[in-house]
């Protein structure tokens, strides 16, 4: 049930639920050192943070990982123009 909501409504409603969502993502993206050589994002969801990271670090390889195929499809669509992003599906072993 929770995954269905996330799949259908997350990007549409997250900014209404959390008005400071974009500010928080920006703070996270700026918290990484500018000299980063590789970024691995675990649980990338629909790729909102991944997009900010790809813009901030255009020549740094970014590996975005999630276990939900629907979310990864949304992330792939959102990030298709970023050549430094690799999207991978991994299942949780816990």
PDB file of N, CA and C in Angstrom:
ATOM      1  N   UNK A   1       0.811  -1.204   0.000  1.00  0.00           N
ATOM      2  CA  UNK A   1       0.000   0.000   0.000  1.00  0.00           C
ATOM      3  C   UNK A   1       0.854   1.269   0.000  1.00  0.00           C
ATOM      4  N   UNK A   2       1.846   1.320   0.863  1.00  0.00           N
ATOM      5  CA  UNK A   2       2.697   2.510   0.932  1.00  0.00           C
ATOM      6  C   UNK A   2       3.441   2.726  -0.369  1.00  0.00           C
ATOM      7  N   UNK A   3       3.913   1.643  -0.980  1.00  0.00           N
ATOM      8  CA  UNK A   3       4.644   1.777  -2.232  1.00  0.00           C
ATOM      9  C   UNK A   3       3.747   2.299  -3.342  1.00  0.00           C
ATOM     10  N   UNK A   4       2.465   1.914  -3.332  1.00  0.00           N
ATOM     11  CA  UNK A   4       1.540   2.410  -4.354  1.00  0.00           C
ATOM     12  C   UNK A   4       1.403   3.931  -4.258  1.00  0.00           C
ATOM     13  N   UNK A   5       1.283   4.461  -3.044  1.00  0.00           N
ATOM     14  CA  UNK A   5       1.186   5.905  -2.876  1.00  0.00           C
ATOM     15  C   UNK A   5       2.446   6.571  -3.383  1.00  0.00           C
ATOM     16  N   UNK A   6       3.577   6.019  -2.994  1.00  0.00           N
ATOM     17  CA  UNK A   6       4.857   6.580  -3.385  1.00  0.00           C
ATOM     18  C   UNK A   6       4.984   6.594  -4.903  1.00  0.00           C
ATOM     19  N   UNK A   7       4.611   5.492  -5.536  1.00  0.00           N
ATOM     20  CA  UNK A   7       4.707   5.393  -6.990  1.00  0.00           C
ATOM     21  C   UNK A   7       3.837   6.419  -7.698  1.00  0.00           C
ATOM     22  N   UNK A   8       2.643   6.619  -7.209  1.00  0.00           N
ATOM     23  CA  UNK A   8       1.686   7.472  -7.917  1.00  0.00           C
ATOM     24  C   UNK A   8       1.779   8.949  -7.552  1.00  0.00           C
ATOM     25  N   UNK A   9       2.097   9.262  -6.294  1.00  0.00           N
ATOM     26  CA  UNK A   9       1.889  10.629  -5.828  1.00  0.00           C
ATOM     27  C   UNK A   9       3.107  11.360  -5.270  1.00  0.00           C
ATOM     28  N   UNK A  10       4.204  10.674  -5.058  1.00  0.00           N
ATOM     29  CA  UNK A  10       5.331  11.285  -4.340  1.00  0.00           C
ATOM     30  C   UNK A  10       5.765  12.618  -4.941  1.00  0.00           C
ATOM     31  N   UNK A  11       6.152  12.621  -6.207  1.00  0.00           N
ATOM     32  CA  UNK A  11       6.637  13.871  -6.819  1.00  0.00           C
ATOM     33  C   UNK A  11       5.559  14.949  -6.859  1.00  0.00           C
ATOM     34  N   UNK A  12       4.320  14.544  -6.958  1.00  0.00           N
ATOM     35  CA  UNK A  12       3.233  15.519  -7.047  1.00  0.00           C
ATOM     36  C   UNK A  12       2.957  16.210  -5.716  1.00  0.00           C
ATOM     37  N   UNK A  13       3.110  15.472  -4.607  1.00  0.00           N
ATOM     38  CA  UNK A  13       2.672  16.019  -3.322  1.00  0.00           C
ATOM     39  C   UNK A  13       3.771  16.297  -2.299  1.00  0.00           C
ATOM     40  N   UNK A  14       4.995  15.876  -2.541  1.00  0.00           N
ATOM     41  CA  UNK A  14       6.028  16.006  -1.519  1.00  0.00           C
ATOM     42  C   UNK A  14       6.253  17.464  -1.102  1.00  0.00           C
ATOM     43  N   UNK A  15       6.146  18.388  -2.017  1.00  0.00           N
ATOM     44  CA  UNK A  15       6.375  19.796  -1.678  1.00  0.00           C
ATOM     45  C   UNK A  15       5.215  20.398  -0.878  1.00  0.00           C
ATOM     46  N   UNK A  16       4.030  19.798  -0.987  1.00  0.00           N
ATOM     47  CA  UNK A  16       2.905  20.240  -0.158  1.00  0.00           C
ATOM     48  C   UNK A  16       3.022  19.660   1.244  1.00  0.00           C
ATOM     49  N   UNK A  17       3.482  18.425   1.330  1.00  0.00           N
ATOM     50  CA  UNK A  17       3.635  17.761   2.622  1.00  0.00           C
ATOM     51  C   UNK A  17       4.820  18.348   3.379  1.00  0.00           C
ATOM     52  N   UNK A  18       5.892  18.623   2.659  1.00  0.00           N
ATOM     53  CA  UNK A  18       7.128  19.142   3.253  1.00  0.00           C
ATOM     54  C   UNK A  18       7.533  20.410   2.498  1.00  0.00           C
ATOM     55  N   UNK A  19       7.054  21.574   2.921  1.00  0.00           N
ATOM     56  CA  UNK A  19       7.320  22.816   2.185  1.00  0.00           C
ATOM     57  C   UNK A  19       8.805  23.144   2.011  1.00  0.00           C
ATOM     58  N   UNK A  20       9.651  22.667   2.893  1.00  0.00           N
ATOM     59  CA  UNK A  20      11.088  22.942   2.796  1.00  0.00           C
ATOM     60  C   UNK A  20      11.852  21.826   2.091  1.00  0.00           C
ATOM     61  N   UNK A  21      11.150  20.995   1.352  1.00  0.00           N
ATOM     62  CA  UNK A  21      11.758  19.847   0.683  1.00  0.00           C
ATOM     63  C   UNK A  21      12.923  20.264  -0.219  1.00  0.00           C
ATOM     64  N   UNK A  22      12.702  21.221  -1.095  1.00  0.00           N
ATOM     65  CA  UNK A  22      13.755  21.649  -2.020  1.00  0.00           C
ATOM     66  C   UNK A  22      14.940  22.280  -1.274  1.00  0.00           C
ATOM     67  N   UNK A  23      14.645  23.014  -0.230  1.00  0.00           N
ATOM     68  CA  UNK A  23      15.711  23.606   0.580  1.00  0.00           C
ATOM     69  C   UNK A  23      16.560  22.509   1.228  1.00  0.00           C
ATOM     70  N   UNK A  24      15.905  21.473   1.751  1.00  0.00           N
ATOM     71  CA  UNK A  24      16.627  20.373   2.381  1.00  0.00           C
ATOM     72  C   UNK A  24      17.494  19.632   1.371  1.00  0.00           C
ATOM     73  N   UNK A  25      16.967  19.383   0.184  1.00  0.00           N
ATOM     74  CA  UNK A  25      17.762  18.715  -0.848  1.00  0.00           C
ATOM     75  C   UNK A  25      18.966  19.568  -1.238  1.00  0.00           C
ATOM     76  N   UNK A  26      18.759  20.865  -1.358  1.00  0.00           N
ATOM     77  CA  UNK A  26      19.858  21.770  -1.695  1.00  0.00           C
ATOM     78  C   UNK A  26      20.944  21.755  -0.636  1.00  0.00           C
ATOM     79  N   UNK A  27      20.541  21.731   0.625  1.00  0.00           N
ATOM     80  CA  UNK A  27      21.526  21.662   1.714  1.00  0.00           C
ATOM     81  C   UNK A  27      22.322  20.356   1.659  1.00  0.00           C
ATOM     82  N   UNK A  28      21.634  19.270   1.359  1.00  0.00           N
ATOM     83  CA  UNK A  28      22.333  17.988   1.231  1.00  0.00           C
ATOM     84  C   UNK A  28      23.329  18.014   0.076  1.00  0.00           C
ATOM     85  N   UNK A  29      22.913  18.543  -1.049  1.00  0.00           N
ATOM     86  CA  UNK A  29      23.795  18.593  -2.222  1.00  0.00           C
ATOM     87  C   UNK A  29      25.013  19.472  -1.958  1.00  0.00           C
ATOM     88  N   UNK A  30      24.812  20.578  -1.261  1.00  0.00           N
ATOM     89  CA  UNK A  30      25.930  21.485  -0.981  1.00  0.00           C
ATOM     90  C   UNK A  30      26.820  20.981   0.151  1.00  0.00           C
ATOM     91  N   UNK A  31      26.356  20.009   0.927  1.00  0.00           N
ATOM     92  CA  UNK A  31      27.146  19.496   2.044  1.00  0.00           C
ATOM     93  C   UNK A  31      28.280  18.586   1.572  1.00  0.00           C
ATOM     94  N   UNK A  32      28.186  18.071   0.373  1.00  0.00           N
ATOM     95  CA  UNK A  32      29.252  17.204  -0.135  1.00  0.00           C
ATOM     96  C   UNK A  32      30.455  18.032  -0.550  1.00  0.00           C
ATOM     97  N   UNK A  33      31.640  17.501  -0.341  1.00  0.00           N
ATOM     98  CA  UNK A  33      32.842  18.257  -0.717  1.00  0.00           C
ATOM     99  C   UNK A  33      32.922  18.434  -2.232  1.00  0.00           C
ATOM    100  N   UNK A  34      33.339  19.603  -2.655  1.00  0.00           N
ATOM    101  CA  UNK A  34      33.422  19.926  -4.080  1.00  0.00           C
ATOM    102  C   UNK A  34      34.435  19.031  -4.790  1.00  0.00           C
ATOM    103  N   UNK A  35      35.345  18.405  -4.047  1.00  0.00           N
ATOM    104  CA  UNK A  35      36.365  17.534  -4.631  1.00  0.00           C
ATOM    105  C   UNK A  35      35.922  16.074  -4.690  1.00  0.00           C
ATOM    106  N   UNK A  36      34.639  15.801  -4.565  1.00  0.00           N
ATOM    107  CA  UNK A  36      34.140  14.424  -4.607  1.00  0.00           C
ATOM    108  C   UNK A  36      34.567  13.753  -5.903  1.00  0.00           C
ATOM    109  N   UNK A  37      34.960  12.489  -5.794  1.00  0.00           N
ATOM    110  CA  UNK A  37      35.407  11.737  -6.972  1.00  0.00           C
ATOM    111  C   UNK A  37      34.347  10.786  -7.480  1.00  0.00           C
ATOM    112  N   UNK A  38      33.447  10.369  -6.600  1.00  0.00           N
ATOM    113  CA  UNK A  38      32.337   9.500  -6.958  1.00  0.00           C
ATOM    114  C   UNK A  38      31.264   9.670  -5.898  1.00  0.00           C
ATOM    115  N   UNK A  39      30.012   9.636  -6.314  1.00  0.00           N
ATOM    116  CA  UNK A  39      28.903   9.760  -5.374  1.00  0.00           C
ATOM    117  C   UNK A  39      28.006   8.549  -5.557  1.00  0.00           C
ATOM    118  N   UNK A  40      27.662   7.912  -4.443  1.00  0.00           N
ATOM    119  CA  UNK A  40      26.725   6.801  -4.467  1.00  0.00           C
ATOM    120  C   UNK A  40      25.527   7.206  -3.618  1.00  0.00           C
ATOM    121  N   UNK A  41      24.371   7.217  -4.235  1.00  0.00           N
ATOM    122  CA  UNK A  41      23.144   7.573  -3.518  1.00  0.00           C
ATOM    123  C   UNK A  41      22.307   6.318  -3.332  1.00  0.00           C
ATOM    124  N   UNK A  42      22.145   5.918  -2.078  1.00  0.00           N
ATOM    125  CA  UNK A  42      21.338   4.746  -1.760  1.00  0.00           C
ATOM    126  C   UNK A  42      19.904   5.177  -1.499  1.00  0.00           C
ATOM    127  N   UNK A  43      18.970   4.563  -2.199  1.00  0.00           N
ATOM    128  CA  UNK A  43      17.566   4.930  -2.043  1.00  0.00           C
ATOM    129  C   UNK A  43      17.243   6.205  -2.794  1.00  0.00           C
ATOM    130  N   UNK A  44      17.576   6.238  -4.069  1.00  0.00           N
ATOM    131  CA  UNK A  44      17.421   7.468  -4.857  1.00  0.00           C
ATOM    132  C   UNK A  44      15.972   7.806  -5.183  1.00  0.00           C
ATOM    133  N   UNK A  45      15.065   6.866  -5.017  1.00  0.00           N
ATOM    134  CA  UNK A  45      13.651   7.142  -5.308  1.00  0.00           C
ATOM    135  C   UNK A  45      13.458   7.640  -6.724  1.00  0.00           C
ATOM    136  N   UNK A  46      12.759   8.749  -6.868  1.00  0.00           N
ATOM    137  CA  UNK A  46      12.469   9.291  -8.197  1.00  0.00           C
ATOM    138  C   UNK A  46      13.579  10.178  -8.743  1.00  0.00           C
ATOM    139  N   UNK A  47      14.671  10.316  -8.002  1.00  0.00           N
ATOM    140  CA  UNK A  47      15.843  11.011  -8.513  1.00  0.00           C
ATOM    141  C   UNK A  47      15.911  12.505  -8.253  1.00  0.00           C
ATOM    142  N   UNK A  48      15.152  13.007  -7.311  1.00  0.00           N
ATOM    143  CA  UNK A  48      15.177  14.451  -7.046  1.00  0.00           C
ATOM    144  C   UNK A  48      16.537  14.923  -6.531  1.00  0.00           C
ATOM    145  N   UNK A  49      17.072  14.242  -5.529  1.00  0.00           N
ATOM    146  CA  UNK A  49      18.400  14.613  -5.024  1.00  0.00           C
ATOM    147  C   UNK A  49      19.465  14.292  -6.068  1.00  0.00           C
ATOM    148  N   UNK A  50      19.304  13.185  -6.765  1.00  0.00           N
ATOM    149  CA  UNK A  50      20.267  12.800  -7.794  1.00  0.00           C
ATOM    150  C   UNK A  50      20.411  13.902  -8.836  1.00  0.00           C
ATOM    151  N   UNK A  51      19.307  14.502  -9.210  1.00  0.00           N
ATOM    152  CA  UNK A  51      19.332  15.582 -10.206  1.00  0.00           C
ATOM    153  C   UNK A  51      20.144  16.769  -9.697  1.00  0.00           C
ATOM    154  N   UNK A  52      19.922  17.154  -8.457  1.00  0.00           N
ATOM    155  CA  UNK A  52      20.700  18.260  -7.882  1.00  0.00           C
ATOM    156  C   UNK A  52      22.187  17.922  -7.832  1.00  0.00           C
ATOM    157  N   UNK A  53      22.495  16.699  -7.460  1.00  0.00           N
ATOM    158  CA  UNK A  53      23.900  16.270  -7.400  1.00  0.00           C
ATOM    159  C   UNK A  53      24.531  16.288  -8.793  1.00  0.00           C
ATOM    160  N   UNK A  54      23.789  15.826  -9.791  1.00  0.00           N
ATOM    161  CA  UNK A  54      24.305  15.806 -11.167  1.00  0.00           C
ATOM    162  C   UNK A  54      24.562  17.221 -11.674  1.00  0.00           C
ATOM    163  N   UNK A  55      23.745  18.174 -11.265  1.00  0.00           N
ATOM    164  CA  UNK A  55      23.953  19.570 -11.665  1.00  0.00           C
ATOM    165  C   UNK A  55      25.140  20.187 -10.929  1.00  0.00           C
ATOM    166  N   UNK A  56      25.297  19.843  -9.658  1.00  0.00           N
ATOM    167  CA  UNK A  56      26.393  20.406  -8.857  1.00  0.00           C
ATOM    168  C   UNK A  56      27.735  19.776  -9.209  1.00  0.00           C
ATOM    169  N   UNK A  57      27.725  18.516  -9.579  1.00  0.00           N
ATOM    170  CA  UNK A  57      28.953  17.767  -9.879  1.00  0.00           C
ATOM    171  C   UNK A  57      28.861  17.167 -11.291  1.00  0.00           C
ATOM    172  N   UNK A  58      28.903  17.988 -12.323  1.00  0.00           N
ATOM    173  CA  UNK A  58      28.642  17.491 -13.686  1.00  0.00           C
ATOM    174  C   UNK A  58      29.681  16.519 -14.241  1.00  0.00           C
ATOM    175  N   UNK A  59      30.874  16.469 -13.666  1.00  0.00           N
ATOM    176  CA  UNK A  59      31.876  15.526 -14.182  1.00  0.00           C
ATOM    177  C   UNK A  59      32.164  14.380 -13.210  1.00  0.00           C
ATOM    178  N   UNK A  60      31.457  14.339 -12.107  1.00  0.00           N
ATOM    179  CA  UNK A  60      31.635  13.283 -11.117  1.00  0.00           C
ATOM    180  C   UNK A  60      30.640  12.158 -11.399  1.00  0.00           C
ATOM    181  N   UNK A  61      31.105  10.908 -11.473  1.00  0.00           N
ATOM    182  CA  UNK A  61      30.175   9.800 -11.648  1.00  0.00           C
ATOM    183  C   UNK A  61      29.243   9.679 -10.438  1.00  0.00           C
ATOM    184  N   UNK A  62      27.968   9.563 -10.716  1.00  0.00           N
ATOM    185  CA  UNK A  62      26.965   9.419  -9.650  1.00  0.00           C
ATOM    186  C   UNK A  62      26.238   8.107  -9.895  1.00  0.00           C
ATOM    187  N   UNK A  63      26.254   7.241  -8.901  1.00  0.00           N
ATOM    188  CA  UNK A  63      25.541   5.973  -8.985  1.00  0.00           C
ATOM    189  C   UNK A  63      24.319   6.089  -8.083  1.00  0.00           C
ATOM    190  N   UNK A  64      23.148   6.020  -8.679  1.00  0.00           N
ATOM    191  CA  UNK A  64      21.882   6.138  -7.962  1.00  0.00           C
ATOM    192  C   UNK A  64      21.264   4.750  -7.869  1.00  0.00           C
ATOM    193  N   UNK A  65      20.983   4.314  -6.650  1.00  0.00           N
ATOM    194  CA  UNK A  65      20.506   2.950  -6.409  1.00  0.00           C
ATOM    195  C   UNK A  65      19.165   2.983  -5.691  1.00  0.00           C
ATOM    196  N   UNK A  66      18.265   2.114  -6.128  1.00  0.00           N
ATOM    197  CA  UNK A  66      16.993   1.928  -5.438  1.00  0.00           C
ATOM    198  C   UNK A  66      16.539   0.502  -5.709  1.00  0.00           C
ATOM    199  N   UNK A  67      15.597   0.014  -4.915  1.00  0.00           N
ATOM    200  CA  UNK A  67      15.096  -1.342  -5.132  1.00  0.00           C
ATOM    201  C   UNK A  67      13.704  -1.358  -5.756  1.00  0.00           C
ATOM    202  N   UNK A  68      13.130  -0.212  -6.011  1.00  0.00           N
ATOM    203  CA  UNK A  68      11.781  -0.139  -6.577  1.00  0.00           C
ATOM    204  C   UNK A  68      11.855   0.201  -8.071  1.00  0.00           C
ATOM    205  N   UNK A  69      11.419  -0.717  -8.883  1.00  0.00           N
ATOM    206  CA  UNK A  69      11.491  -0.559 -10.340  1.00  0.00           C
ATOM    207  C   UNK A  69      10.702   0.667 -10.832  1.00  0.00           C
ATOM    208  N   UNK A  70       9.532   0.913 -10.261  1.00  0.00           N
ATOM    209  CA  UNK A  70       8.723   2.068 -10.672  1.00  0.00           C
ATOM    210  C   UNK A  70       9.435   3.385 -10.387  1.00  0.00           C
ATOM    211  N   UNK A  71      10.043   3.476  -9.219  1.00  0.00           N
ATOM    212  CA  UNK A  71      10.771   4.691  -8.864  1.00  0.00           C
ATOM    213  C   UNK A  71      11.978   4.883  -9.785  1.00  0.00           C
ATOM    214  N   UNK A  72      12.670   3.789 -10.068  1.00  0.00           N
ATOM    215  CA  UNK A  72      13.827   3.879 -10.953  1.00  0.00           C
ATOM    216  C   UNK A  72      13.433   4.315 -12.363  1.00  0.00           C
ATOM    217  N   UNK A  73      12.285   3.857 -12.821  1.00  0.00           N
ATOM    218  CA  UNK A  73      11.815   4.295 -14.143  1.00  0.00           C
ATOM    219  C   UNK A  73      11.562   5.799 -14.167  1.00  0.00           C
ATOM    220  N   UNK A  74      10.995   6.325 -13.087  1.00  0.00           N
ATOM    221  CA  UNK A  74      10.783   7.776 -12.998  1.00  0.00           C
ATOM    222  C   UNK A  74      12.123   8.511 -12.935  1.00  0.00           C
ATOM    223  N   UNK A  75      13.052   7.961 -12.166  1.00  0.00           N
ATOM    224  CA  UNK A  75      14.376   8.573 -12.063  1.00  0.00           C
ATOM    225  C   UNK A  75      15.076   8.547 -13.420  1.00  0.00           C
ATOM    226  N   UNK A  76      14.992   7.443 -14.131  1.00  0.00           N
ATOM    227  CA  UNK A  76      15.626   7.338 -15.452  1.00  0.00           C
ATOM    228  C   UNK A  76      15.087   8.398 -16.394  1.00  0.00           C
ATOM    229  N   UNK A  77      13.792   8.594 -16.373  1.00  0.00           N
ATOM    230  CA  UNK A  77      13.185   9.608 -17.239  1.00  0.00           C
ATOM    231  C   UNK A  77      13.655  11.009 -16.841  1.00  0.00           C
ATOM    232  N   UNK A  78      13.668  11.279 -15.554  1.00  0.00           N
ATOM    233  CA  UNK A  78      14.059  12.590 -15.035  1.00  0.00           C
ATOM    234  C   UNK A  78      15.540  12.892 -15.302  1.00  0.00           C
ATOM    235  N   UNK A  79      16.373  11.856 -15.320  1.00  0.00           N
ATOM    236  CA  UNK A  79      17.823  12.042 -15.384  1.00  0.00           C
ATOM    237  C   UNK A  79      18.434  11.657 -16.720  1.00  0.00           C
ATOM    238  N   UNK A  80      17.624  11.418 -17.718  1.00  0.00           N
ATOM    239  CA  UNK A  80      18.146  10.910 -18.993  1.00  0.00           C
ATOM    240  C   UNK A  80      19.139  11.846 -19.673  1.00  0.00           C
ATOM    241  N   UNK A  81      19.098  13.120 -19.397  1.00  0.00           N
ATOM    242  CA  UNK A  81      20.029  14.055 -20.047  1.00  0.00           C
ATOM    243  C   UNK A  81      21.352  14.206 -19.292  1.00  0.00           C
ATOM    244  N   UNK A  82      21.481  13.581 -18.128  1.00  0.00           N
ATOM    245  CA  UNK A  82      22.707  13.673 -17.334  1.00  0.00           C
ATOM    246  C   UNK A  82      23.591  12.464 -17.631  1.00  0.00           C
ATOM    247  N   UNK A  83      24.687  12.713 -18.295  1.00  0.00           N
ATOM    248  CA  UNK A  83      25.575  11.629 -18.733  1.00  0.00           C
ATOM    249  C   UNK A  83      26.427  11.065 -17.606  1.00  0.00           C
ATOM    250  N   UNK A  84      26.495  11.755 -16.474  1.00  0.00           N
ATOM    251  CA  UNK A  84      27.321  11.291 -15.360  1.00  0.00           C
ATOM    252  C   UNK A  84      26.548  10.434 -14.352  1.00  0.00           C
ATOM    253  N   UNK A  85      25.283  10.130 -14.649  1.00  0.00           N
ATOM    254  CA  UNK A  85      24.450   9.374 -13.711  1.00  0.00           C
ATOM    255  C   UNK A  85      24.257   7.943 -14.206  1.00  0.00           C
ATOM    256  N   UNK A  86      24.513   7.001 -13.320  1.00  0.00           N
ATOM    257  CA  UNK A  86      24.255   5.585 -13.571  1.00  0.00           C
ATOM    258  C   UNK A  86      23.177   5.150 -12.589  1.00  0.00           C
ATOM    259  N   UNK A  87      22.102   4.568 -13.097  1.00  0.00           N
ATOM    260  CA  UNK A  87      20.997   4.138 -12.246  1.00  0.00           C
ATOM    261  C   UNK A  87      21.001   2.621 -12.180  1.00  0.00           C
ATOM    262  N   UNK A  88      20.931   2.095 -10.956  1.00  0.00           N
ATOM    263  CA  UNK A  88      20.982   0.653 -10.758  1.00  0.00           C
ATOM    264  C   UNK A  88      19.878   0.197  -9.822  1.00  0.00           C
ATOM    265  N   UNK A  89      19.359  -0.983 -10.102  1.00  0.00           N
ATOM    266  CA  UNK A  89      18.398  -1.601  -9.194  1.00  0.00           C
ATOM    267  C   UNK A  89      19.124  -2.614  -8.315  1.00  0.00           C
ATOM    268  N   UNK A  90      18.955  -2.466  -7.030  1.00  0.00           N
ATOM    269  CA  UNK A  90      19.501  -3.409  -6.065  1.00  0.00           C
ATOM    270  C   UNK A  90      18.408  -3.732  -5.075  1.00  0.00           C
ATOM    271  N   UNK A  91      18.298  -4.992  -4.732  1.00  0.00           N
ATOM    272  CA  UNK A  91      17.325  -5.378  -3.727  1.00  0.00           C
ATOM    273  C   UNK A  91      17.971  -5.425  -2.352  1.00  0.00           C
ATOM    274  N   UNK A  92      17.187  -5.104  -1.388  1.00  0.00           N
ATOM    275  CA  UNK A  92      17.657  -5.076  -0.001  1.00  0.00           C
ATOM    276  C   UNK A  92      17.855  -6.509   0.492  1.00  0.00           C
ATOM    277  N   UNK A  93      18.940  -6.759   1.131  1.00  0.00           N
ATOM    278  CA  UNK A  93      19.243  -8.092   1.617  1.00  0.00           C
ATOM    279  C   UNK A  93      18.821  -8.295   3.062  1.00  0.00           C
ATOM    280  N   UNK A  94      18.271  -7.286   3.680  1.00  0.00           N
ATOM    281  CA  UNK A  94      17.885  -7.377   5.094  1.00  0.00           C
ATOM    282  C   UNK A  94      16.487  -7.910   5.214  1.00  0.00           C
TER     283      UNK A  94
END
